[in-house]
Amino acid sequence: MTELSRRMVLAGSAAVLAPTVAGMPVRAAAPPVGQQVAGAYRYKVGSFECTSISDGARSFPVSDSFVANVPKAEVLAAAEAAHMPPGMVTVPFNPQLINTGSKLVLIDCGLGGAFFEASKGAVGRTVTNLIAAGVDPKSVDIVLVSHLHPDHTNGIRAADGSMAFPNAEIMVPAKDWAFWMSEENAAKADSNKMMKDYFANVRKVYAGIEDKVTKYDWDKEVAPGITSVATPGHTPGHTSFVLSSGSSSVLIQSDVTNIPELFLQHPDWHVAYDVDPDLAQATRHKFYDMAAAEKALVVGFHFSFPSQGYVEKDGPNYRLVPIRWNPAI
C-alpha cells in the first residue's frame, strides 16, 4: 500500500500513486479542453427561477492604495489567508438573471464584449454563459443596473458597440446617473485617474441612448418582485435589491462589499473603489447587521461563484458562510 506524504504532494508523485502495469496497452490521452464550461447556477425564490451567471474573474497585484486605511501588509496577509495568488487578489463578477414569469430581468451585466475580447474570455462572459445556459440575450426584458461602475454596466454593449440585449429596457439608479453625468463632478475628478476614467466610461457606454434609459428611485418595486434598496457609499446611488416571491426572499447586495474575504471580514477597510468610504463603511454594518439578524440569503456580485451565502456576526466583523451547491432547482 502506498502512503501519501507531504513530499509526494509537493513533488506531484502521480506515478507512485498509480504505477504502470506491465503489458497494459498504452491509451492515447484525450486532448485538453483548455477552458471552463458554462458558469450558470439556477435557484428558486418562491415561484421565480433565478440564475447566477459568471461574468468571469480576474486577478491583479495589490497596489499600495487598494485599501486606503490599513497597511498593504495586512491586505496581503488577508489575501494569503484566503489562498489567493501570492501578492494578488482575485475578484469574481456574477450578474443575476431573474425569471419572474412575466419578465426576464438581468441584474447587472458584467464587463461586456470589449473586455471579453481584450481578456481572451477571462471576463465579460455574461452573454456567452447566458447562451450556454439556454437564454437568448434578445429575450431579456430588463437590464437592471445597481450602479454605474464598468463591471456592472459595460455589458450592455457587445464588442462591436451594439446593444447586447437589444430588446431590453435599461434601468439605472437616478442618483448614480445624476452623479456620473454631472460635468461639475467630472471636472472635480481630474486629479484622480480612476475616477476620471469612470466618468468617461459612463459617457462612452451610454452615448446615443441617454434618452432611452429609465432612471429609478430607491424603495420602489422596479420590476415584478424586485424592490430597490438604498445602500450608498460605494457610489452615491449604489443600490441593492430585495427579491421576493410568495414567502421567500433573498438580498441581492450588489457591491455593499467587494471581495468578502477582505471587506466583509474587515468591514471598516476602505477599498479604493468606494466614492464615499465612510458612508460605505456605515452601510456595510447596517446591511450586514440586518442580514445576520434575519438569517437572510445574500447574493453578492463579487462573492465566489455561485455567489450566495449567509452572513454571520464575528465579533465586530462578519463572515460569509457560502451555500452548498444544489443539483436540484
Protein backbone atom coordinates (compact mmCIF):
# COMPACT_ATOMS: atom_id res chain seq x y z
CA MET A 1 0.00 0.00 0.00
CA THR A 2 1.39 3.41 -0.98
CA GLU A 3 1.38 6.01 1.78
CA LEU A 4 0.69 9.64 0.97
CA SER A 5 3.38 12.00 2.21
CA ARG A 6 3.95 15.75 2.06
CA ARG A 7 6.96 15.18 -0.18
CA MET A 8 4.81 13.28 -2.63
CA VAL A 9 2.24 16.06 -2.71
CA LEU A 10 4.89 18.72 -3.30
CA ALA A 11 6.58 16.64 -5.96
CA GLY A 12 3.34 15.67 -7.67
CA SER A 13 4.24 11.98 -7.49
CA ALA A 14 1.34 10.65 -9.52
CA ALA A 15 3.49 7.80 -10.75
CA VAL A 16 3.88 6.48 -7.22
CA LEU A 17 0.15 6.59 -6.60
CA ALA A 18 -0.69 4.97 -9.94
CA PRO A 19 2.11 2.61 -11.03
CA THR A 20 2.01 1.27 -14.56
CA VAL A 21 1.20 -2.39 -15.05
CA ALA A 22 3.48 -4.40 -17.31
CA GLY A 23 1.81 -5.40 -20.51
CA MET A 24 -1.07 -2.95 -20.20
CA PRO A 25 -1.72 -1.22 -23.53
CA VAL A 26 -0.94 2.49 -23.63
CA ARG A 27 -4.00 4.61 -24.35
CA ALA A 28 -3.88 7.97 -26.04
CA ALA A 29 -4.76 10.83 -23.71
CA ALA A 30 -7.83 12.89 -24.51
CA PRO A 31 -6.84 16.38 -25.68
CA PRO A 32 -7.16 19.09 -23.01
CA VAL A 33 -10.27 21.24 -23.29
CA GLY A 34 -8.45 24.42 -22.31
CA GLN A 35 -11.43 26.30 -20.90
CA GLN A 36 -14.17 26.11 -18.28
CA VAL A 37 -17.68 25.04 -19.17
CA ALA A 38 -20.59 27.43 -18.76
CA GLY A 39 -20.84 29.29 -15.46
CA ALA A 40 -24.53 29.22 -14.55
CA TYR A 41 -26.28 28.14 -11.35
CA ARG A 42 -30.07 28.06 -11.04
CA TYR A 43 -32.02 28.50 -7.83
CA LYS A 44 -35.60 29.24 -6.83
CA VAL A 45 -37.03 32.16 -4.89
CA GLY A 46 -40.70 31.30 -4.45
CA SER A 47 -42.05 30.83 -7.96
CA PHE A 48 -39.18 32.76 -9.56
CA GLU A 49 -36.44 30.83 -11.34
CA CYS A 50 -33.16 32.65 -10.85
CA THR A 51 -29.77 32.08 -12.43
CA SER A 52 -26.41 33.21 -11.15
CA ILE A 53 -24.28 33.93 -14.22
CA SER A 54 -20.49 34.08 -14.07
CA ASP A 55 -19.03 37.01 -15.97
CA GLY A 56 -15.59 35.62 -15.13
CA ALA A 57 -12.92 36.65 -12.65
CA ARG A 58 -9.64 38.46 -12.72
CA SER A 59 -6.56 38.50 -10.51
CA PHE A 60 -4.33 41.54 -10.14
CA PRO A 61 -1.49 42.74 -7.91
CA VAL A 62 -2.39 44.51 -4.67
CA SER A 63 -1.43 48.16 -5.04
CA ASP A 64 -0.41 50.42 -2.16
CA SER A 65 -3.73 52.26 -2.49
CA PHE A 66 -6.05 49.25 -2.88
CA VAL A 67 -7.12 49.65 0.75
CA ALA A 68 -6.76 53.25 1.87
CA ASN A 69 -6.80 52.97 5.65
CA VAL A 70 -4.70 49.89 6.50
CA PRO A 71 -1.12 48.90 5.66
CA LYS A 72 -0.63 46.91 2.48
CA ALA A 73 0.94 44.09 4.52
CA GLU A 74 -2.40 43.49 6.29
CA VAL A 75 -4.21 43.29 2.98
CA LEU A 76 -1.65 40.82 1.60
CA ALA A 77 -1.96 38.71 4.73
CA ALA A 78 -5.76 38.55 4.36
CA ALA A 79 -5.43 37.64 0.68
CA GLU A 80 -2.87 34.94 1.51
CA ALA A 81 -5.18 33.55 4.22
CA ALA A 82 -7.86 33.23 1.52
CA HIS A 83 -5.37 31.30 -0.69
CA MET A 84 -5.28 33.93 -3.41
CA PRO A 85 -2.27 34.10 -5.76
CA PRO A 86 0.84 35.48 -3.98
CA GLY A 87 0.77 39.26 -3.83
CA MET A 88 -2.57 39.39 -5.65
CA VAL A 89 -6.32 39.42 -5.13
CA THR A 90 -8.95 37.66 -7.23
CA VAL A 91 -12.28 39.33 -7.94
CA PRO A 92 -15.22 37.35 -9.43
CA PHE A 93 -18.15 39.00 -11.23
CA ASN A 94 -21.63 37.48 -11.06
CA PRO A 95 -24.79 39.05 -12.55
CA GLN A 96 -28.19 37.56 -11.68
CA LEU A 97 -30.95 36.60 -14.11
CA ILE A 98 -34.46 36.64 -12.61
CA ASN A 99 -37.37 34.99 -14.42
CA THR A 100 -40.47 36.38 -12.70
CA GLY A 101 -42.85 34.58 -15.04
CA SER A 102 -43.81 37.85 -16.71
CA LYS A 103 -40.38 39.46 -17.11
CA LEU A 104 -36.83 38.28 -17.65
CA VAL A 105 -34.66 40.64 -15.60
CA LEU A 106 -30.87 40.74 -15.68
CA ILE A 107 -29.45 42.45 -12.59
CA ASP A 108 -26.10 43.93 -13.68
CA CYS A 109 -24.46 42.74 -16.86
CA GLY A 110 -20.73 42.40 -16.37
CA LEU A 111 -17.79 43.93 -18.16
CA GLY A 112 -19.04 43.44 -21.71
CA GLY A 113 -17.87 42.27 -25.08
CA ALA A 114 -14.88 44.60 -25.39
CA PHE A 115 -13.42 43.26 -22.14
CA PHE A 116 -14.16 39.70 -23.29
CA GLU A 117 -12.04 40.23 -26.39
CA ALA A 118 -9.24 42.01 -24.50
CA SER A 119 -9.04 39.40 -21.72
CA LYS A 120 -9.26 36.38 -24.05
CA GLY A 121 -12.52 35.43 -22.38
CA ALA A 122 -11.42 35.67 -18.74
CA VAL A 123 -14.04 38.33 -18.05
CA GLY A 124 -17.01 39.71 -19.96
CA ARG A 125 -18.54 36.23 -20.19
CA THR A 126 -22.16 37.08 -19.32
CA VAL A 127 -23.59 36.77 -22.82
CA THR A 128 -21.53 33.66 -23.57
CA ASN A 129 -22.74 31.96 -20.39
CA LEU A 130 -26.34 33.07 -20.86
CA ILE A 131 -26.38 31.45 -24.29
CA ALA A 132 -24.74 28.30 -22.95
CA ALA A 133 -27.44 28.21 -20.26
CA GLY A 134 -30.15 28.32 -22.94
CA VAL A 135 -31.04 32.01 -22.66
CA ASP A 136 -31.24 34.18 -25.79
CA PRO A 137 -29.99 37.71 -24.96
CA LYS A 138 -32.82 39.03 -27.13
CA SER A 139 -35.30 37.60 -24.62
CA VAL A 140 -34.08 39.76 -21.73
CA ASP A 141 -36.80 42.33 -20.92
CA ILE A 142 -34.96 44.49 -18.39
CA VAL A 143 -31.31 45.13 -17.58
CA LEU A 144 -31.41 46.47 -14.03
CA VAL A 145 -28.12 48.18 -13.15
CA SER A 146 -27.18 48.55 -9.48
CA HIS A 147 -24.61 51.31 -10.08
CA LEU A 148 -22.56 52.66 -12.93
CA HIS A 149 -19.15 51.09 -12.39
CA PRO A 150 -17.78 49.36 -15.53
CA ASP A 151 -18.16 45.79 -14.27
CA HIS A 152 -21.88 46.32 -13.70
CA THR A 153 -22.87 48.37 -16.73
CA ASN A 154 -20.45 47.90 -19.64
CA GLY A 155 -22.08 44.60 -20.52
CA ILE A 156 -24.99 46.39 -22.16
CA ARG A 157 -22.62 46.69 -25.15
CA ALA A 158 -21.26 43.91 -27.35
CA ALA A 159 -17.67 44.04 -28.61
CA ASP A 160 -18.75 45.95 -31.74
CA GLY A 161 -20.60 48.57 -29.67
CA SER A 162 -24.08 47.26 -30.49
CA MET A 163 -26.64 46.60 -27.76
CA ALA A 164 -26.00 43.18 -26.23
CA PHE A 165 -29.65 42.97 -25.07
CA PRO A 166 -31.41 44.72 -27.95
CA ASN A 167 -34.97 44.36 -26.64
CA ALA A 168 -34.26 45.22 -23.01
CA GLU A 169 -35.23 48.33 -21.09
CA ILE A 170 -32.09 49.70 -19.40
CA MET A 171 -32.76 50.86 -15.83
CA VAL A 172 -30.19 52.74 -13.70
CA PRO A 173 -30.33 54.44 -10.28
CA ALA A 174 -31.40 58.07 -10.64
CA LYS A 175 -28.86 59.23 -8.03
CA ASP A 176 -25.98 57.45 -9.75
CA TRP A 177 -26.97 58.79 -13.17
CA ALA A 178 -27.07 62.35 -11.82
CA PHE A 179 -23.65 61.94 -10.21
CA TRP A 180 -21.77 60.35 -13.11
CA MET A 181 -23.37 62.51 -15.80
CA SER A 182 -22.53 65.77 -13.98
CA GLU A 183 -19.94 67.90 -15.77
CA GLU A 184 -19.15 69.58 -12.45
CA ASN A 185 -18.43 66.26 -10.75
CA ALA A 186 -16.35 65.09 -13.70
CA ALA A 187 -14.23 68.24 -13.54
CA LYS A 188 -13.51 67.61 -9.84
CA ALA A 189 -12.20 64.14 -10.70
CA ASP A 190 -9.39 65.35 -12.98
CA SER A 191 -6.76 64.70 -10.30
CA ASN A 192 -7.94 61.11 -9.71
CA LYS A 193 -7.24 58.94 -12.75
CA MET A 194 -9.54 56.08 -11.74
CA MET A 195 -12.48 58.41 -11.12
CA LYS A 196 -11.72 60.35 -14.29
CA ASP A 197 -11.79 57.10 -16.27
CA TYR A 198 -15.10 56.11 -14.62
CA PHE A 199 -16.77 59.37 -15.64
CA ALA A 200 -15.52 58.96 -19.22
CA ASN A 201 -16.63 55.33 -19.28
CA VAL A 202 -20.25 56.12 -18.34
CA ARG A 203 -20.49 58.67 -21.13
CA LYS A 204 -18.98 56.27 -23.65
CA VAL A 205 -21.21 53.32 -22.72
CA TYR A 206 -24.43 55.36 -22.79
CA ALA A 207 -23.57 57.57 -25.77
CA GLY A 208 -26.55 57.82 -28.10
CA ILE A 209 -29.02 56.07 -25.79
CA GLU A 210 -29.24 58.62 -22.96
CA ASP A 211 -32.90 59.38 -23.67
CA LYS A 212 -33.84 55.69 -23.68
CA VAL A 213 -32.51 54.96 -20.20
CA THR A 214 -35.05 54.64 -17.37
CA LYS A 215 -33.93 56.17 -14.05
CA TYR A 216 -35.34 54.55 -10.93
CA ASP A 217 -35.53 55.68 -7.29
CA TRP A 218 -34.97 53.79 -4.05
CA ASP A 219 -37.67 51.96 -2.10
CA LYS A 220 -39.64 51.19 -5.27
CA GLU A 221 -40.71 47.96 -6.93
CA VAL A 222 -38.58 48.43 -10.04
CA ALA A 223 -39.62 45.10 -11.59
CA PRO A 224 -42.07 42.40 -10.50
CA GLY A 225 -40.98 41.22 -7.05
CA ILE A 226 -37.78 43.32 -7.10
CA THR A 227 -37.53 46.30 -4.73
CA SER A 228 -34.66 48.80 -4.82
CA VAL A 229 -32.86 49.42 -1.51
CA ALA A 230 -30.60 52.38 -0.70
CA THR A 231 -27.04 51.19 0.03
CA PRO A 232 -24.95 54.28 -0.84
CA GLY A 233 -21.27 54.89 -0.28
CA HIS A 234 -19.68 52.62 -2.85
CA THR A 235 -21.21 55.12 -5.27
CA PRO A 236 -23.73 57.88 -4.44
CA GLY A 237 -26.58 55.90 -5.99
CA HIS A 238 -25.40 52.39 -5.22
CA THR A 239 -28.45 50.13 -4.94
CA SER A 240 -29.17 46.67 -3.57
CA PHE A 241 -32.37 44.72 -4.13
CA VAL A 242 -34.84 42.62 -2.19
CA LEU A 243 -36.13 39.82 -4.39
CA SER A 244 -39.44 38.40 -3.11
CA SER A 245 -41.86 35.77 -4.32
CA GLY A 246 -44.51 34.29 -2.05
CA SER A 247 -42.97 33.79 1.39
CA SER A 248 -39.39 33.58 0.03
CA SER A 249 -36.90 36.38 -0.38
CA VAL A 250 -33.19 37.00 -0.89
CA LEU A 251 -30.98 40.08 -0.63
CA ILE A 252 -29.04 40.97 -3.75
CA GLN A 253 -26.33 43.14 -2.23
CA SER A 254 -24.54 44.28 -5.40
CA ASP A 255 -21.29 45.85 -4.11
CA VAL A 256 -22.07 46.50 -0.45
CA THR A 257 -18.75 44.71 -0.10
CA ASN A 258 -16.13 43.92 -2.67
CA ILE A 259 -14.07 40.76 -2.02
CA PRO A 260 -15.82 39.24 1.03
CA GLU A 261 -12.65 37.54 2.31
CA LEU A 262 -11.28 41.05 2.79
CA PHE A 263 -14.07 43.57 3.18
CA LEU A 264 -16.83 41.52 4.80
CA GLN A 265 -14.39 40.12 7.33
CA HIS A 266 -12.97 43.64 7.71
CA PRO A 267 -15.96 45.95 7.12
CA ASP A 268 -14.06 49.04 8.25
CA TRP A 269 -11.47 48.71 5.49
CA HIS A 270 -11.85 51.32 2.74
CA VAL A 271 -11.44 49.83 -0.73
CA ALA A 272 -10.19 52.20 -3.41
CA TYR A 273 -13.43 51.93 -5.42
CA ASP A 274 -15.67 53.46 -2.73
CA VAL A 275 -16.61 57.03 -3.64
CA ASP A 276 -17.54 57.84 -0.02
CA PRO A 277 -15.56 55.37 2.13
CA ASP A 278 -17.04 56.43 5.48
CA LEU A 279 -20.61 56.11 4.19
CA ALA A 280 -19.79 52.76 2.55
CA GLN A 281 -18.42 51.53 5.90
CA ALA A 282 -21.60 52.57 7.73
CA THR A 283 -23.73 50.95 5.01
CA ARG A 284 -21.85 47.66 5.35
CA HIS A 285 -22.51 47.48 9.08
CA LYS A 286 -26.18 48.40 8.70
CA PHE A 287 -26.76 45.95 5.85
CA TYR A 288 -24.91 43.01 7.39
CA ASP A 289 -26.35 43.50 10.86
CA MET A 290 -29.77 43.22 9.25
CA ALA A 291 -28.81 40.25 7.05
CA ALA A 292 -27.34 38.36 10.01
CA ALA A 293 -30.32 39.08 12.27
CA GLU A 294 -32.79 37.95 9.58
CA LYS A 295 -30.66 34.93 8.56
CA ALA A 296 -31.27 36.13 5.02
CA LEU A 297 -29.67 34.54 1.98
CA VAL A 298 -27.36 37.13 0.43
CA VAL A 299 -26.29 37.23 -3.21
CA GLY A 300 -23.04 39.13 -3.79
CA PHE A 301 -21.76 40.28 -7.14
CA HIS A 302 -18.17 39.67 -6.01
CA PHE A 303 -18.77 36.53 -3.96
CA SER A 304 -17.18 33.34 -5.27
CA PHE A 305 -19.45 31.62 -7.78
CA PRO A 306 -22.32 30.79 -7.43
CA SER A 307 -22.21 33.99 -5.35
CA GLN A 308 -24.59 33.15 -2.49
CA GLY A 309 -24.27 32.68 1.23
CA TYR A 310 -25.31 33.65 4.73
CA VAL A 311 -23.67 36.40 6.76
CA GLU A 312 -22.89 35.80 10.40
CA LYS A 313 -21.61 38.19 13.05
CA ASP A 314 -17.98 37.57 14.05
CA GLY A 315 -17.33 39.95 16.93
CA PRO A 316 -17.32 43.46 15.41
CA ASN A 317 -16.89 41.93 11.97
CA TYR A 318 -18.70 39.39 9.79
CA ARG A 319 -18.08 36.15 7.98
CA LEU A 320 -19.68 34.58 4.94
CA VAL A 321 -21.00 31.02 5.02
CA PRO A 322 -21.30 30.02 1.33
CA ILE A 323 -24.24 27.91 0.24
CA ARG A 324 -23.75 24.30 -0.79
CA TRP A 325 -24.11 23.57 -4.49
CA ASN A 326 -27.52 22.01 -5.06
CA PRO A 327 -28.05 19.92 -8.21
CA ALA A 328 -31.82 20.34 -7.91
CA ILE A 329 -33.67 23.60 -8.52
